[in-house]
Amino acid sequence: MKDEELINLIKIDVEGAELLVLKGMYKTIDKVEFLLVECHLDEDWDTIRNILLNDFKLSCENYLENTEITMDSKRPYQCFCKKIK
């Protein structure tokens, strides 16, 4: 993906390895418009949420409940994120 100028959507469905994938996306995330993450592990959620909201500076929502994800939100099953414009 390093040669791509723009990536419309990345779906992360890796059955518990979400944190590893997100940690490997720091060089790619600026090219991504939308990110859908299936979150499987409660113990990784605080770090995942911090990466999405603070490090990547994305606006995220709990896809199934259509509610905004904040630093106080519990782990959703699917987290849909987009760039903040």
PDB file of N, CA and C in Angstrom:
ATOM      1  N   MET A   1       0.803  -1.200   0.000  1.00  0.00           N
ATOM      2  CA  MET A   1       0.000   0.000   0.000  1.00  0.00           C
ATOM      3  C   MET A   1       0.847   1.265   0.000  1.00  0.00           C
ATOM      4  N   LYS A   2       2.144   1.117   0.104  1.00  0.00           N
ATOM      5  CA  LYS A   2       2.998   2.300   0.183  1.00  0.00           C
ATOM      6  C   LYS A   2       2.956   3.144  -1.083  1.00  0.00           C
ATOM      7  N   ASP A   3       2.615   2.561  -2.230  1.00  0.00           N
ATOM      8  CA  ASP A   3       2.567   3.317  -3.476  1.00  0.00           C
ATOM      9  C   ASP A   3       1.204   3.948  -3.741  1.00  0.00           C
ATOM     10  N   GLU A   4       0.210   3.634  -2.922  1.00  0.00           N
ATOM     11  CA  GLU A   4      -1.129   4.192  -3.090  1.00  0.00           C
ATOM     12  C   GLU A   4      -1.171   5.620  -2.545  1.00  0.00           C
ATOM     13  N   GLU A   5      -1.822   6.498  -3.290  1.00  0.00           N
ATOM     14  CA  GLU A   5      -1.976   7.873  -2.819  1.00  0.00           C
ATOM     15  C   GLU A   5      -3.156   8.011  -1.870  1.00  0.00           C
ATOM     16  N   LEU A   6      -4.237   7.259  -2.132  1.00  0.00           N
ATOM     17  CA  LEU A   6      -5.444   7.320  -1.329  1.00  0.00           C
ATOM     18  C   LEU A   6      -6.038   5.926  -1.189  1.00  0.00           C
ATOM     19  N   ILE A   7      -6.420   5.592   0.027  1.00  0.00           N
ATOM     20  CA  ILE A   7      -7.062   4.320   0.309  1.00  0.00           C
ATOM     21  C   ILE A   7      -8.437   4.652   0.874  1.00  0.00           C
ATOM     22  N   ASN A   8      -9.488   4.258   0.175  1.00  0.00           N
ATOM     23  CA  ASN A   8     -10.839   4.616   0.606  1.00  0.00           C
ATOM     24  C   ASN A   8     -11.240   3.943   1.906  1.00  0.00           C
ATOM     25  N   LEU A   9     -11.008   2.632   2.005  1.00  0.00           N
ATOM     26  CA  LEU A   9     -11.470   1.886   3.172  1.00  0.00           C
ATOM     27  C   LEU A   9     -10.521   0.740   3.476  1.00  0.00           C
ATOM     28  N   ILE A  10     -10.235   0.592   4.759  1.00  0.00           N
ATOM     29  CA  ILE A  10      -9.538  -0.594   5.240  1.00  0.00           C
ATOM     30  C   ILE A  10     -10.442  -1.242   6.276  1.00  0.00           C
ATOM     31  N   LYS A  11     -10.684  -2.539   6.111  1.00  0.00           N
ATOM     32  CA  LYS A  11     -11.437  -3.312   7.094  1.00  0.00           C
ATOM     33  C   LYS A  11     -10.458  -4.214   7.820  1.00  0.00           C
ATOM     34  N   ILE A  12     -10.473  -4.125   9.132  1.00  0.00           N
ATOM     35  CA  ILE A  12      -9.599  -4.947   9.960  1.00  0.00           C
ATOM     36  C   ILE A  12     -10.460  -5.968  10.696  1.00  0.00           C
ATOM     37  N   ASP A  13     -10.337  -7.212  10.309  1.00  0.00           N
ATOM     38  CA  ASP A  13     -11.077  -8.320  10.917  1.00  0.00           C
ATOM     39  C   ASP A  13     -10.063  -9.447  11.104  1.00  0.00           C
ATOM     40  N   VAL A  14      -9.334  -9.371  12.193  1.00  0.00           N
ATOM     41  CA  VAL A  14      -8.200 -10.266  12.389  1.00  0.00           C
ATOM     42  C   VAL A  14      -8.289 -11.074  13.695  1.00  0.00           C
ATOM     43  N   GLU A  15      -9.514 -11.226  14.187  1.00  0.00           N
ATOM     44  CA  GLU A  15      -9.814 -12.135  15.306  1.00  0.00           C
ATOM     45  C   GLU A  15      -8.889 -11.982  16.512  1.00  0.00           C
ATOM     46  N   GLY A  16      -8.711 -10.752  16.996  1.00  0.00           N
ATOM     47  CA  GLY A  16      -7.932 -10.523  18.200  1.00  0.00           C
ATOM     48  C   GLY A  16      -6.569  -9.908  17.975  1.00  0.00           C
ATOM     49  N   ALA A  17      -6.144  -9.779  16.744  1.00  0.00           N
ATOM     50  CA  ALA A  17      -4.835  -9.186  16.452  1.00  0.00           C
ATOM     51  C   ALA A  17      -4.963  -7.718  16.005  1.00  0.00           C
ATOM     52  N   GLU A  18      -6.092  -7.077  16.344  1.00  0.00           N
ATOM     53  CA  GLU A  18      -6.339  -5.701  15.912  1.00  0.00           C
ATOM     54  C   GLU A  18      -5.238  -4.746  16.362  1.00  0.00           C
ATOM     55  N   LEU A  19      -4.801  -4.888  17.588  1.00  0.00           N
ATOM     56  CA  LEU A  19      -3.777  -3.992  18.116  1.00  0.00           C
ATOM     57  C   LEU A  19      -2.484  -4.098  17.315  1.00  0.00           C
ATOM     58  N   LEU A  20      -2.086  -5.290  16.953  1.00  0.00           N
ATOM     59  CA  LEU A  20      -0.877  -5.474  16.154  1.00  0.00           C
ATOM     60  C   LEU A  20      -1.003  -4.800  14.791  1.00  0.00           C
ATOM     61  N   VAL A  21      -2.164  -4.945  14.159  1.00  0.00           N
ATOM     62  CA  VAL A  21      -2.386  -4.323  12.848  1.00  0.00           C
ATOM     63  C   VAL A  21      -2.345  -2.805  12.969  1.00  0.00           C
ATOM     64  N   LEU A  22      -3.035  -2.259  13.967  1.00  0.00           N
ATOM     65  CA  LEU A  22      -3.060  -0.801  14.131  1.00  0.00           C
ATOM     66  C   LEU A  22      -1.662  -0.244  14.418  1.00  0.00           C
ATOM     67  N   LYS A  23      -0.881  -0.952  15.200  1.00  0.00           N
ATOM     68  CA  LYS A  23       0.485  -0.497  15.487  1.00  0.00           C
ATOM     69  C   LYS A  23       1.347  -0.478  14.231  1.00  0.00           C
ATOM     70  N   GLY A  24       0.983  -1.283  13.235  1.00  0.00           N
ATOM     71  CA  GLY A  24       1.722  -1.309  11.983  1.00  0.00           C
ATOM     72  C   GLY A  24       1.208  -0.324  10.948  1.00  0.00           C
ATOM     73  N   MET A  25       0.185   0.469  11.295  1.00  0.00           N
ATOM     74  CA  MET A  25      -0.441   1.376  10.326  1.00  0.00           C
ATOM     75  C   MET A  25      -0.004   2.832  10.440  1.00  0.00           C
ATOM     76  N   TYR A  26       0.922   3.160  11.294  1.00  0.00           N
ATOM     77  CA  TYR A  26       1.285   4.564  11.517  1.00  0.00           C
ATOM     78  C   TYR A  26       1.758   5.263  10.247  1.00  0.00           C
ATOM     79  N   LYS A  27       2.414   4.564   9.345  1.00  0.00           N
ATOM     80  CA  LYS A  27       2.888   5.182   8.098  1.00  0.00           C
ATOM     81  C   LYS A  27       1.813   5.208   7.019  1.00  0.00           C
ATOM     82  N   THR A  28       0.741   4.457   7.208  1.00  0.00           N
ATOM     83  CA  THR A  28      -0.303   4.325   6.191  1.00  0.00           C
ATOM     84  C   THR A  28      -1.544   5.148   6.507  1.00  0.00           C
ATOM     85  N   ILE A  29      -1.825   5.404   7.760  1.00  0.00           N
ATOM     86  CA  ILE A  29      -3.118   5.944   8.177  1.00  0.00           C
ATOM     87  C   ILE A  29      -3.451   7.291   7.535  1.00  0.00           C
ATOM     88  N   ASP A  30      -2.482   8.097   7.204  1.00  0.00           N
ATOM     89  CA  ASP A  30      -2.758   9.403   6.581  1.00  0.00           C
ATOM     90  C   ASP A  30      -3.375   9.270   5.194  1.00  0.00           C
ATOM     91  N   LYS A  31      -3.248   8.110   4.579  1.00  0.00           N
ATOM     92  CA  LYS A  31      -3.806   7.872   3.244  1.00  0.00           C
ATOM     93  C   LYS A  31      -5.226   7.299   3.303  1.00  0.00           C
ATOM     94  N   VAL A  32      -5.692   6.930   4.489  1.00  0.00           N
ATOM     95  CA  VAL A  32      -6.943   6.186   4.650  1.00  0.00           C
ATOM     96  C   VAL A  32      -8.095   7.138   4.964  1.00  0.00           C
ATOM     97  N   GLU A  33      -9.182   7.022   4.187  1.00  0.00           N
ATOM     98  CA  GLU A  33     -10.375   7.827   4.446  1.00  0.00           C
ATOM     99  C   GLU A  33     -11.259   7.202   5.521  1.00  0.00           C
ATOM    100  N   PHE A  34     -11.485   5.894   5.434  1.00  0.00           N
ATOM    101  CA  PHE A  34     -12.362   5.193   6.372  1.00  0.00           C
ATOM    102  C   PHE A  34     -11.683   3.923   6.867  1.00  0.00           C
ATOM    103  N   LEU A  35     -11.981   3.585   8.117  1.00  0.00           N
ATOM    104  CA  LEU A  35     -11.398   2.409   8.752  1.00  0.00           C
ATOM    105  C   LEU A  35     -12.498   1.695   9.527  1.00  0.00           C
ATOM    106  N   LEU A  36     -12.677   0.402   9.272  1.00  0.00           N
ATOM    107  CA  LEU A  36     -13.635  -0.405  10.018  1.00  0.00           C
ATOM    108  C   LEU A  36     -12.849  -1.464  10.775  1.00  0.00           C
ATOM    109  N   VAL A  37     -12.980  -1.437  12.094  1.00  0.00           N
ATOM    110  CA  VAL A  37     -12.219  -2.358  12.938  1.00  0.00           C
ATOM    111  C   VAL A  37     -13.187  -3.218  13.735  1.00  0.00           C
ATOM    112  N   GLU A  38     -13.066  -4.530  13.608  1.00  0.00           N
ATOM    113  CA  GLU A  38     -13.792  -5.429  14.498  1.00  0.00           C
ATOM    114  C   GLU A  38     -12.919  -5.620  15.724  1.00  0.00           C
ATOM    115  N   CYS A  39     -13.469  -5.312  16.878  1.00  0.00           N
ATOM    116  CA  CYS A  39     -12.712  -5.351  18.135  1.00  0.00           C
ATOM    117  C   CYS A  39     -13.123  -6.576  18.937  1.00  0.00           C
ATOM    118  N   HIS A  40     -12.167  -7.463  19.185  1.00  0.00           N
ATOM    119  CA  HIS A  40     -12.490  -8.737  19.830  1.00  0.00           C
ATOM    120  C   HIS A  40     -12.035  -8.846  21.275  1.00  0.00           C
ATOM    121  N   LEU A  41     -11.020  -8.097  21.691  1.00  0.00           N
ATOM    122  CA  LEU A  41     -10.451  -8.297  23.024  1.00  0.00           C
ATOM    123  C   LEU A  41     -10.666  -7.081  23.918  1.00  0.00           C
ATOM    124  N   ASP A  42     -11.370  -7.294  25.031  1.00  0.00           N
ATOM    125  CA  ASP A  42     -11.589  -6.205  25.992  1.00  0.00           C
ATOM    126  C   ASP A  42     -10.266  -5.637  26.503  1.00  0.00           C
ATOM    127  N   GLU A  43      -9.287  -6.512  26.723  1.00  0.00           N
ATOM    128  CA  GLU A  43      -8.025  -6.055  27.318  1.00  0.00           C
ATOM    129  C   GLU A  43      -7.214  -5.152  26.383  1.00  0.00           C
ATOM    130  N   ASP A  44      -7.487  -5.176  25.104  1.00  0.00           N
ATOM    131  CA  ASP A  44      -6.780  -4.308  24.158  1.00  0.00           C
ATOM    132  C   ASP A  44      -7.542  -3.014  23.849  1.00  0.00           C
ATOM    133  N   TRP A  45      -8.801  -2.921  24.281  1.00  0.00           N
ATOM    134  CA  TRP A  45      -9.652  -1.813  23.855  1.00  0.00           C
ATOM    135  C   TRP A  45      -9.112  -0.440  24.256  1.00  0.00           C
ATOM    136  N   ASP A  46      -8.616  -0.268  25.465  1.00  0.00           N
ATOM    137  CA  ASP A  46      -8.116   1.051  25.882  1.00  0.00           C
ATOM    138  C   ASP A  46      -6.995   1.531  24.959  1.00  0.00           C
ATOM    139  N   THR A  47      -6.086   0.653  24.605  1.00  0.00           N
ATOM    140  CA  THR A  47      -4.978   1.017  23.722  1.00  0.00           C
ATOM    141  C   THR A  47      -5.473   1.253  22.302  1.00  0.00           C
ATOM    142  N   ILE A  48      -6.369   0.408  21.820  1.00  0.00           N
ATOM    143  CA  ILE A  48      -6.933   0.581  20.475  1.00  0.00           C
ATOM    144  C   ILE A  48      -7.655   1.920  20.379  1.00  0.00           C
ATOM    145  N   ARG A  49      -8.500   2.212  21.356  1.00  0.00           N
ATOM    146  CA  ARG A  49      -9.252   3.466  21.377  1.00  0.00           C
ATOM    147  C   ARG A  49      -8.306   4.670  21.376  1.00  0.00           C
ATOM    148  N   ASN A  50      -7.252   4.603  22.150  1.00  0.00           N
ATOM    149  CA  ASN A  50      -6.271   5.688  22.206  1.00  0.00           C
ATOM    150  C   ASN A  50      -5.577   5.878  20.855  1.00  0.00           C
ATOM    151  N   ILE A  51      -5.221   4.794  20.202  1.00  0.00           N
ATOM    152  CA  ILE A  51      -4.575   4.883  18.889  1.00  0.00           C
ATOM    153  C   ILE A  51      -5.534   5.537  17.888  1.00  0.00           C
ATOM    154  N   LEU A  52      -6.776   5.061  17.841  1.00  0.00           N
ATOM    155  CA  LEU A  52      -7.747   5.577  16.869  1.00  0.00           C
ATOM    156  C   LEU A  52      -8.061   7.054  17.099  1.00  0.00           C
ATOM    157  N   LEU A  53      -8.354   7.415  18.344  1.00  0.00           N
ATOM    158  CA  LEU A  53      -8.800   8.776  18.633  1.00  0.00           C
ATOM    159  C   LEU A  53      -7.651   9.772  18.777  1.00  0.00           C
ATOM    160  N   ASN A  54      -6.599   9.388  19.456  1.00  0.00           N
ATOM    161  CA  ASN A  54      -5.519  10.333  19.754  1.00  0.00           C
ATOM    162  C   ASN A  54      -4.357  10.276  18.770  1.00  0.00           C
ATOM    163  N   ASP A  55      -3.856   9.075  18.516  1.00  0.00           N
ATOM    164  CA  ASP A  55      -2.704   8.961  17.617  1.00  0.00           C
ATOM    165  C   ASP A  55      -3.102   9.202  16.161  1.00  0.00           C
ATOM    166  N   PHE A  56      -4.163   8.527  15.721  1.00  0.00           N
ATOM    167  CA  PHE A  56      -4.603   8.652  14.325  1.00  0.00           C
ATOM    168  C   PHE A  56      -5.548   9.831  14.115  1.00  0.00           C
ATOM    169  N   LYS A  57      -6.071  10.386  15.200  1.00  0.00           N
ATOM    170  CA  LYS A  57      -6.982  11.542  15.154  1.00  0.00           C
ATOM    171  C   LYS A  57      -8.186  11.291  14.239  1.00  0.00           C
ATOM    172  N   LEU A  58      -8.857  10.160  14.497  1.00  0.00           N
ATOM    173  CA  LEU A  58     -10.036   9.784  13.728  1.00  0.00           C
ATOM    174  C   LEU A  58     -11.302  10.051  14.535  1.00  0.00           C
ATOM    175  N   SER A  59     -12.384  10.232  13.848  1.00  0.00           N
ATOM    176  CA  SER A  59     -13.707  10.301  14.445  1.00  0.00           C
ATOM    177  C   SER A  59     -14.301   8.906  14.308  1.00  0.00           C
ATOM    178  N   CYS A  60     -14.722   8.314  15.425  1.00  0.00           N
ATOM    179  CA  CYS A  60     -15.161   6.923  15.399  1.00  0.00           C
ATOM    180  C   CYS A  60     -16.548   6.767  16.020  1.00  0.00           C
ATOM    181  N   GLU A  61     -17.246   5.740  15.544  1.00  0.00           N
ATOM    182  CA  GLU A  61     -18.549   5.427  16.121  1.00  0.00           C
ATOM    183  C   GLU A  61     -18.712   3.926  16.272  1.00  0.00           C
ATOM    184  N   ASN A  62     -19.543   3.560  17.237  1.00  0.00           N
ATOM    185  CA  ASN A  62     -19.939   2.172  17.401  1.00  0.00           C
ATOM    186  C   ASN A  62     -20.899   1.891  16.258  1.00  0.00           C
ATOM    187  N   TYR A  63     -20.487   1.096  15.314  1.00  0.00           N
ATOM    188  CA  TYR A  63     -21.244   0.886  14.079  1.00  0.00           C
ATOM    189  C   TYR A  63     -22.627   0.299  14.334  1.00  0.00           C
ATOM    190  N   LEU A  64     -22.724  -0.646  15.239  1.00  0.00           N
ATOM    191  CA  LEU A  64     -23.999  -1.315  15.481  1.00  0.00           C
ATOM    192  C   LEU A  64     -24.975  -0.452  16.265  1.00  0.00           C
ATOM    193  N   GLU A  65     -24.466   0.436  17.121  1.00  0.00           N
ATOM    194  CA  GLU A  65     -25.329   1.284  17.937  1.00  0.00           C
ATOM    195  C   GLU A  65     -25.446   2.706  17.400  1.00  0.00           C
ATOM    196  N   ASN A  66     -24.639   3.024  16.378  1.00  0.00           N
ATOM    197  CA  ASN A  66     -24.648   4.362  15.786  1.00  0.00           C
ATOM    198  C   ASN A  66     -24.416   5.444  16.835  1.00  0.00           C
ATOM    199  N   THR A  67     -23.435   5.204  17.715  1.00  0.00           N
ATOM    200  CA  THR A  67     -23.089   6.169  18.754  1.00  0.00           C
ATOM    201  C   THR A  67     -21.609   6.522  18.650  1.00  0.00           C
ATOM    202  N   GLU A  68     -21.293   7.752  18.993  1.00  0.00           N
ATOM    203  CA  GLU A  68     -19.907   8.227  18.939  1.00  0.00           C
ATOM    204  C   GLU A  68     -19.051   7.502  19.967  1.00  0.00           C
ATOM    205  N   ILE A  69     -17.831   7.214  19.575  1.00  0.00           N
ATOM    206  CA  ILE A  69     -16.870   6.615  20.500  1.00  0.00           C
ATOM    207  C   ILE A  69     -16.023   7.730  21.082  1.00  0.00           C
ATOM    208  N   THR A  70     -15.958   7.757  22.406  1.00  0.00           N
ATOM    209  CA  THR A  70     -15.156   8.732  23.129  1.00  0.00           C
ATOM    210  C   THR A  70     -14.137   7.970  23.980  1.00  0.00           C
ATOM    211  N   MET A  71     -13.337   8.690  24.712  1.00  0.00           N
ATOM    212  CA  MET A  71     -12.337   8.043  25.561  1.00  0.00           C
ATOM    213  C   MET A  71     -12.974   7.282  26.722  1.00  0.00           C
ATOM    214  N   ASP A  72     -14.271   7.462  26.925  1.00  0.00           N
ATOM    215  CA  ASP A  72     -14.980   6.741  27.987  1.00  0.00           C
ATOM    216  C   ASP A  72     -15.787   5.556  27.458  1.00  0.00           C
ATOM    217  N   SER A  73     -15.840   5.385  26.157  1.00  0.00           N
ATOM    218  CA  SER A  73     -16.690   4.351  25.558  1.00  0.00           C
ATOM    219  C   SER A  73     -16.183   2.949  25.845  1.00  0.00           C
ATOM    220  N   LYS A  74     -17.154   2.057  26.038  1.00  0.00           N
ATOM    221  CA  LYS A  74     -16.818   0.642  26.172  1.00  0.00           C
ATOM    222  C   LYS A  74     -16.532   0.072  24.786  1.00  0.00           C
ATOM    223  N   ARG A  75     -15.926  -1.097  24.764  1.00  0.00           N
ATOM    224  CA  ARG A  75     -15.524  -1.728  23.510  1.00  0.00           C
ATOM    225  C   ARG A  75     -16.744  -2.054  22.653  1.00  0.00           C
ATOM    226  N   PRO A  76     -16.753  -1.536  21.420  1.00  0.00           N
ATOM    227  CA  PRO A  76     -17.805  -1.938  20.487  1.00  0.00           C
ATOM    228  C   PRO A  76     -17.356  -3.205  19.770  1.00  0.00           C
ATOM    229  N   TYR A  77     -18.285  -3.866  19.113  1.00  0.00           N
ATOM    230  CA  TYR A  77     -17.886  -5.002  18.281  1.00  0.00           C
ATOM    231  C   TYR A  77     -17.290  -4.483  16.976  1.00  0.00           C
ATOM    232  N   GLN A  78     -17.931  -3.479  16.383  1.00  0.00           N
ATOM    233  CA  GLN A  78     -17.407  -2.872  15.162  1.00  0.00           C
ATOM    234  C   GLN A  78     -17.265  -1.376  15.373  1.00  0.00           C
ATOM    235  N   CYS A  79     -16.093  -0.895  15.066  1.00  0.00           N
ATOM    236  CA  CYS A  79     -15.759   0.517  15.224  1.00  0.00           C
ATOM    237  C   CYS A  79     -15.512   1.088  13.825  1.00  0.00           C
ATOM    238  N   PHE A  80     -16.346   2.058  13.424  1.00  0.00           N
ATOM    239  CA  PHE A  80     -16.215   2.682  12.103  1.00  0.00           C
ATOM    240  C   PHE A  80     -15.611   4.067  12.298  1.00  0.00           C
ATOM    241  N   CYS A  81     -14.499   4.322  11.630  1.00  0.00           N
ATOM    242  CA  CYS A  81     -13.779   5.578  11.819  1.00  0.00           C
ATOM    243  C   CYS A  81     -13.562   6.303  10.508  1.00  0.00           C
ATOM    244  N   LYS A  82     -13.438   7.625  10.608  1.00  0.00           N
ATOM    245  CA  LYS A  82     -13.151   8.436   9.431  1.00  0.00           C
ATOM    246  C   LYS A  82     -12.230   9.581   9.826  1.00  0.00           C
ATOM    247  N   LYS A  83     -11.567  10.121   8.824  1.00  0.00           N
ATOM    248  CA  LYS A  83     -10.691  11.259   9.056  1.00  0.00           C
ATOM    249  C   LYS A  83     -11.502  12.445   9.530  1.00  0.00           C
ATOM    250  N   ILE A  84     -10.934  13.194  10.437  1.00  0.00           N
ATOM    251  CA  ILE A  84     -11.556  14.445  10.860  1.00  0.00           C
ATOM    252  C   ILE A  84     -11.104  15.520   9.897  1.00  0.00           C
ATOM    253  N   LYS A  85     -12.065  16.199   9.295  1.00  0.00           N
ATOM    254  CA  LYS A  85     -11.718  17.228   8.293  1.00  0.00           C
ATOM    255  C   LYS A  85     -11.629  18.589   8.907  1.00  0.00           C
TER     256      LYS A  85
END
